[in-house]
């Protein structure tokens, strides 16, 4: 999908997620590469550009397979921060979207996806 061009999900980290009847939101620390319009020069201690963002799904008719965040044990990183692993895959399907990671095997029927980069 064009909105994720230059974002490496295998090197990005899920910081949390939430859902309700109208919206599913993933908070991510995204690994962003130069072919993305969201790329900035990496900080001195960074491998590439990392930026916090949200991936938001809205307008869907239904979804299944999303695990409650409270039932997933976070990874404790060396710097003391926590994350919930990576997004193993995020694809657009004929029916909507499929998103796989430690948060479950999420299937979203219909809807749209947005990427919001934090400033």
C-alpha atoms as a PDB file:
ATOM      1  CA  UNK A   1       0.000   0.000   0.000  1.00  0.00           C
ATOM      2  CA  UNK A   2       1.341   3.398  -0.978  1.00  0.00           C
ATOM      3  CA  UNK A   3       0.782   4.980   2.453  1.00  0.00           C
ATOM      4  CA  UNK A   4       3.301   2.531   3.935  1.00  0.00           C
ATOM      5  CA  UNK A   5       5.980   3.006   1.275  1.00  0.00           C
ATOM      6  CA  UNK A   6       9.387   3.139   2.948  1.00  0.00           C
ATOM      7  CA  UNK A   7       8.163   1.776   6.295  1.00  0.00           C
ATOM      8  CA  UNK A   8       9.800  -1.455   7.432  1.00  0.00           C
ATOM      9  CA  UNK A   9       7.281  -3.222   9.696  1.00  0.00           C
ATOM     10  CA  UNK A  10       9.808  -5.933  10.577  1.00  0.00           C
ATOM     11  CA  UNK A  11      11.977  -3.241  12.203  1.00  0.00           C
ATOM     12  CA  UNK A  12       9.036  -1.289  13.696  1.00  0.00           C
ATOM     13  CA  UNK A  13       7.599  -1.837  17.157  1.00  0.00           C
ATOM     14  CA  UNK A  14       3.992  -2.043  18.327  1.00  0.00           C
ATOM     15  CA  UNK A  15       3.637   0.155  21.425  1.00  0.00           C
ATOM     16  CA  UNK A  16      -0.034  -0.617  22.018  1.00  0.00           C
ATOM     17  CA  UNK A  17      -3.465  -0.912  20.439  1.00  0.00           C
ATOM     18  CA  UNK A  18      -7.104  -0.225  21.123  1.00  0.00           C
ATOM     19  CA  UNK A  19     -10.407  -0.979  19.442  1.00  0.00           C
ATOM     20  CA  UNK A  20     -14.084  -0.164  19.586  1.00  0.00           C
ATOM     21  CA  UNK A  21     -17.023  -0.542  17.220  1.00  0.00           C
ATOM     22  CA  UNK A  22     -15.822   2.250  14.898  1.00  0.00           C
ATOM     23  CA  UNK A  23     -12.026   2.293  15.099  1.00  0.00           C
ATOM     24  CA  UNK A  24      -8.932   0.125  15.590  1.00  0.00           C
ATOM     25  CA  UNK A  25      -5.724   1.995  16.391  1.00  0.00           C
ATOM     26  CA  UNK A  26      -2.155   0.699  16.629  1.00  0.00           C
ATOM     27  CA  UNK A  27       0.514   2.895  18.200  1.00  0.00           C
ATOM     28  CA  UNK A  28       3.806   2.174  16.464  1.00  0.00           C
ATOM     29  CA  UNK A  29       7.421   3.249  16.562  1.00  0.00           C
ATOM     30  CA  UNK A  30       7.970   2.999  12.821  1.00  0.00           C
ATOM     31  CA  UNK A  31      11.246   2.281  11.059  1.00  0.00           C
ATOM     32  CA  UNK A  32      11.172   4.749   8.172  1.00  0.00           C
ATOM     33  CA  UNK A  33      13.505   4.671   5.169  1.00  0.00           C
ATOM     34  CA  UNK A  34      14.466   7.375   2.615  1.00  0.00           C
ATOM     35  CA  UNK A  35      11.826   6.376   0.040  1.00  0.00           C
ATOM     36  CA  UNK A  36       9.081   7.412   2.498  1.00  0.00           C
ATOM     37  CA  UNK A  37       7.777  10.993   2.497  1.00  0.00           C
ATOM     38  CA  UNK A  38       7.910  10.771   6.331  1.00  0.00           C
ATOM     39  CA  UNK A  39      11.661  10.107   6.435  1.00  0.00           C
ATOM     40  CA  UNK A  40      13.885  12.414   8.483  1.00  0.00           C
ATOM     41  CA  UNK A  41      17.627  12.108   9.002  1.00  0.00           C
ATOM     42  CA  UNK A  42      18.245   9.554  11.760  1.00  0.00           C
ATOM     43  CA  UNK A  43      19.308  10.731  15.200  1.00  0.00           C
ATOM     44  CA  UNK A  44      22.980   9.988  15.991  1.00  0.00           C
ATOM     45  CA  UNK A  45      22.095   6.817  17.943  1.00  0.00           C
ATOM     46  CA  UNK A  46      19.580   5.506  15.379  1.00  0.00           C
ATOM     47  CA  UNK A  47      20.043   2.880  12.678  1.00  0.00           C
ATOM     48  CA  UNK A  48      17.440   4.639  10.527  1.00  0.00           C
ATOM     49  CA  UNK A  49      14.687   7.156  11.110  1.00  0.00           C
ATOM     50  CA  UNK A  50      12.275   6.059  13.841  1.00  0.00           C
ATOM     51  CA  UNK A  51       9.051   7.981  14.360  1.00  0.00           C
ATOM     52  CA  UNK A  52       6.033   7.348  16.513  1.00  0.00           C
ATOM     53  CA  UNK A  53       2.796   7.044  14.605  1.00  0.00           C
ATOM     54  CA  UNK A  54      -0.667   5.551  14.576  1.00  0.00           C
ATOM     55  CA  UNK A  55      -2.176   3.147  12.091  1.00  0.00           C
ATOM     56  CA  UNK A  56      -5.913   3.621  12.224  1.00  0.00           C
ATOM     57  CA  UNK A  57      -8.634   1.492  10.665  1.00  0.00           C
ATOM     58  CA  UNK A  58     -12.114   3.034  10.360  1.00  0.00           C
ATOM     59  CA  UNK A  59     -15.340   2.509   8.447  1.00  0.00           C
ATOM     60  CA  UNK A  60     -15.191  -1.276   8.697  1.00  0.00           C
ATOM     61  CA  UNK A  61     -18.249  -3.497   8.903  1.00  0.00           C
ATOM     62  CA  UNK A  62     -16.643  -6.057  11.239  1.00  0.00           C
ATOM     63  CA  UNK A  63     -13.350  -7.419  12.519  1.00  0.00           C
ATOM     64  CA  UNK A  64     -12.089 -10.532  14.284  1.00  0.00           C
ATOM     65  CA  UNK A  65      -8.892 -11.982  15.711  1.00  0.00           C
ATOM     66  CA  UNK A  66      -7.641  -8.983  17.719  1.00  0.00           C
ATOM     67  CA  UNK A  67      -6.370  -9.997  21.174  1.00  0.00           C
ATOM     68  CA  UNK A  68      -6.999  -7.654  24.111  1.00  0.00           C
ATOM     69  CA  UNK A  69      -3.784  -5.777  24.912  1.00  0.00           C
ATOM     70  CA  UNK A  70      -4.110  -6.653  28.612  1.00  0.00           C
ATOM     71  CA  UNK A  71      -3.764 -10.361  27.771  1.00  0.00           C
ATOM     72  CA  UNK A  72      -0.463  -9.988  25.840  1.00  0.00           C
ATOM     73  CA  UNK A  73       2.798  -9.808  27.781  1.00  0.00           C
ATOM     74  CA  UNK A  74       4.975  -6.945  26.525  1.00  0.00           C
ATOM     75  CA  UNK A  75       8.668  -7.274  25.727  1.00  0.00           C
ATOM     76  CA  UNK A  76      10.914  -5.388  28.142  1.00  0.00           C
ATOM     77  CA  UNK A  77      13.666  -3.671  26.144  1.00  0.00           C
ATOM     78  CA  UNK A  78      17.204  -2.969  27.354  1.00  0.00           C
ATOM     79  CA  UNK A  79      16.436   0.757  27.716  1.00  0.00           C
ATOM     80  CA  UNK A  80      13.503  -0.030  30.034  1.00  0.00           C
ATOM     81  CA  UNK A  81      10.791   0.608  27.454  1.00  0.00           C
ATOM     82  CA  UNK A  82       8.111  -1.901  26.513  1.00  0.00           C
ATOM     83  CA  UNK A  83       6.726  -3.038  23.174  1.00  0.00           C
ATOM     84  CA  UNK A  84       4.568  -5.792  21.752  1.00  0.00           C
ATOM     85  CA  UNK A  85       6.841  -6.985  18.966  1.00  0.00           C
ATOM     86  CA  UNK A  86       6.462  -6.216  15.288  1.00  0.00           C
ATOM     87  CA  UNK A  87       3.755  -6.239  12.691  1.00  0.00           C
ATOM     88  CA  UNK A  88       4.524  -9.488  10.896  1.00  0.00           C
ATOM     89  CA  UNK A  89       2.302  -8.553   7.963  1.00  0.00           C
ATOM     90  CA  UNK A  90      -0.207  -5.900   6.970  1.00  0.00           C
ATOM     91  CA  UNK A  91      -1.928  -6.529   3.657  1.00  0.00           C
ATOM     92  CA  UNK A  92      -4.954  -5.287   1.835  1.00  0.00           C
ATOM     93  CA  UNK A  93      -7.275  -8.124   0.845  1.00  0.00           C
ATOM     94  CA  UNK A  94     -10.301  -8.302  -1.450  1.00  0.00           C
ATOM     95  CA  UNK A  95     -12.505  -8.013   1.641  1.00  0.00           C
ATOM     96  CA  UNK A  96     -10.526  -5.458   3.674  1.00  0.00           C
ATOM     97  CA  UNK A  97      -7.264  -5.914   5.592  1.00  0.00           C
ATOM     98  CA  UNK A  98      -5.279  -8.582   7.377  1.00  0.00           C
ATOM     99  CA  UNK A  99      -2.823  -7.613  10.124  1.00  0.00           C
ATOM    100  CA  UNK A 100      -0.721 -10.221  11.936  1.00  0.00           C
ATOM    101  CA  UNK A 101       1.489  -9.880  15.021  1.00  0.00           C
ATOM    102  CA  UNK A 102       1.631 -10.677  18.736  1.00  0.00           C
ATOM    103  CA  UNK A 103      -1.706  -8.841  18.986  1.00  0.00           C
ATOM    104  CA  UNK A 104      -3.389 -11.602  17.004  1.00  0.00           C
ATOM    105  CA  UNK A 105      -4.408 -12.481  13.482  1.00  0.00           C
ATOM    106  CA  UNK A 106      -6.657  -9.514  12.770  1.00  0.00           C
ATOM    107  CA  UNK A 107      -9.075  -9.611   9.855  1.00  0.00           C
ATOM    108  CA  UNK A 108     -10.940  -6.407   9.027  1.00  0.00           C
ATOM    109  CA  UNK A 109     -13.898  -6.464   6.667  1.00  0.00           C
ATOM    110  CA  UNK A 110     -14.191  -3.336   4.497  1.00  0.00           C
ATOM    111  CA  UNK A 111     -13.074   0.039   5.839  1.00  0.00           C
ATOM    112  CA  UNK A 112     -10.073   2.239   5.261  1.00  0.00           C
ATOM    113  CA  UNK A 113      -6.648   2.687   6.803  1.00  0.00           C
ATOM    114  CA  UNK A 114      -4.788   5.885   7.695  1.00  0.00           C
ATOM    115  CA  UNK A 115      -1.256   6.568   8.857  1.00  0.00           C
ATOM    116  CA  UNK A 116      -0.792   9.443  11.304  1.00  0.00           C
ATOM    117  CA  UNK A 117       2.791  10.463  12.021  1.00  0.00           C
ATOM    118  CA  UNK A 118       3.401  12.272  15.320  1.00  0.00           C
ATOM    119  CA  UNK A 119       5.339  15.496  15.024  1.00  0.00           C
END
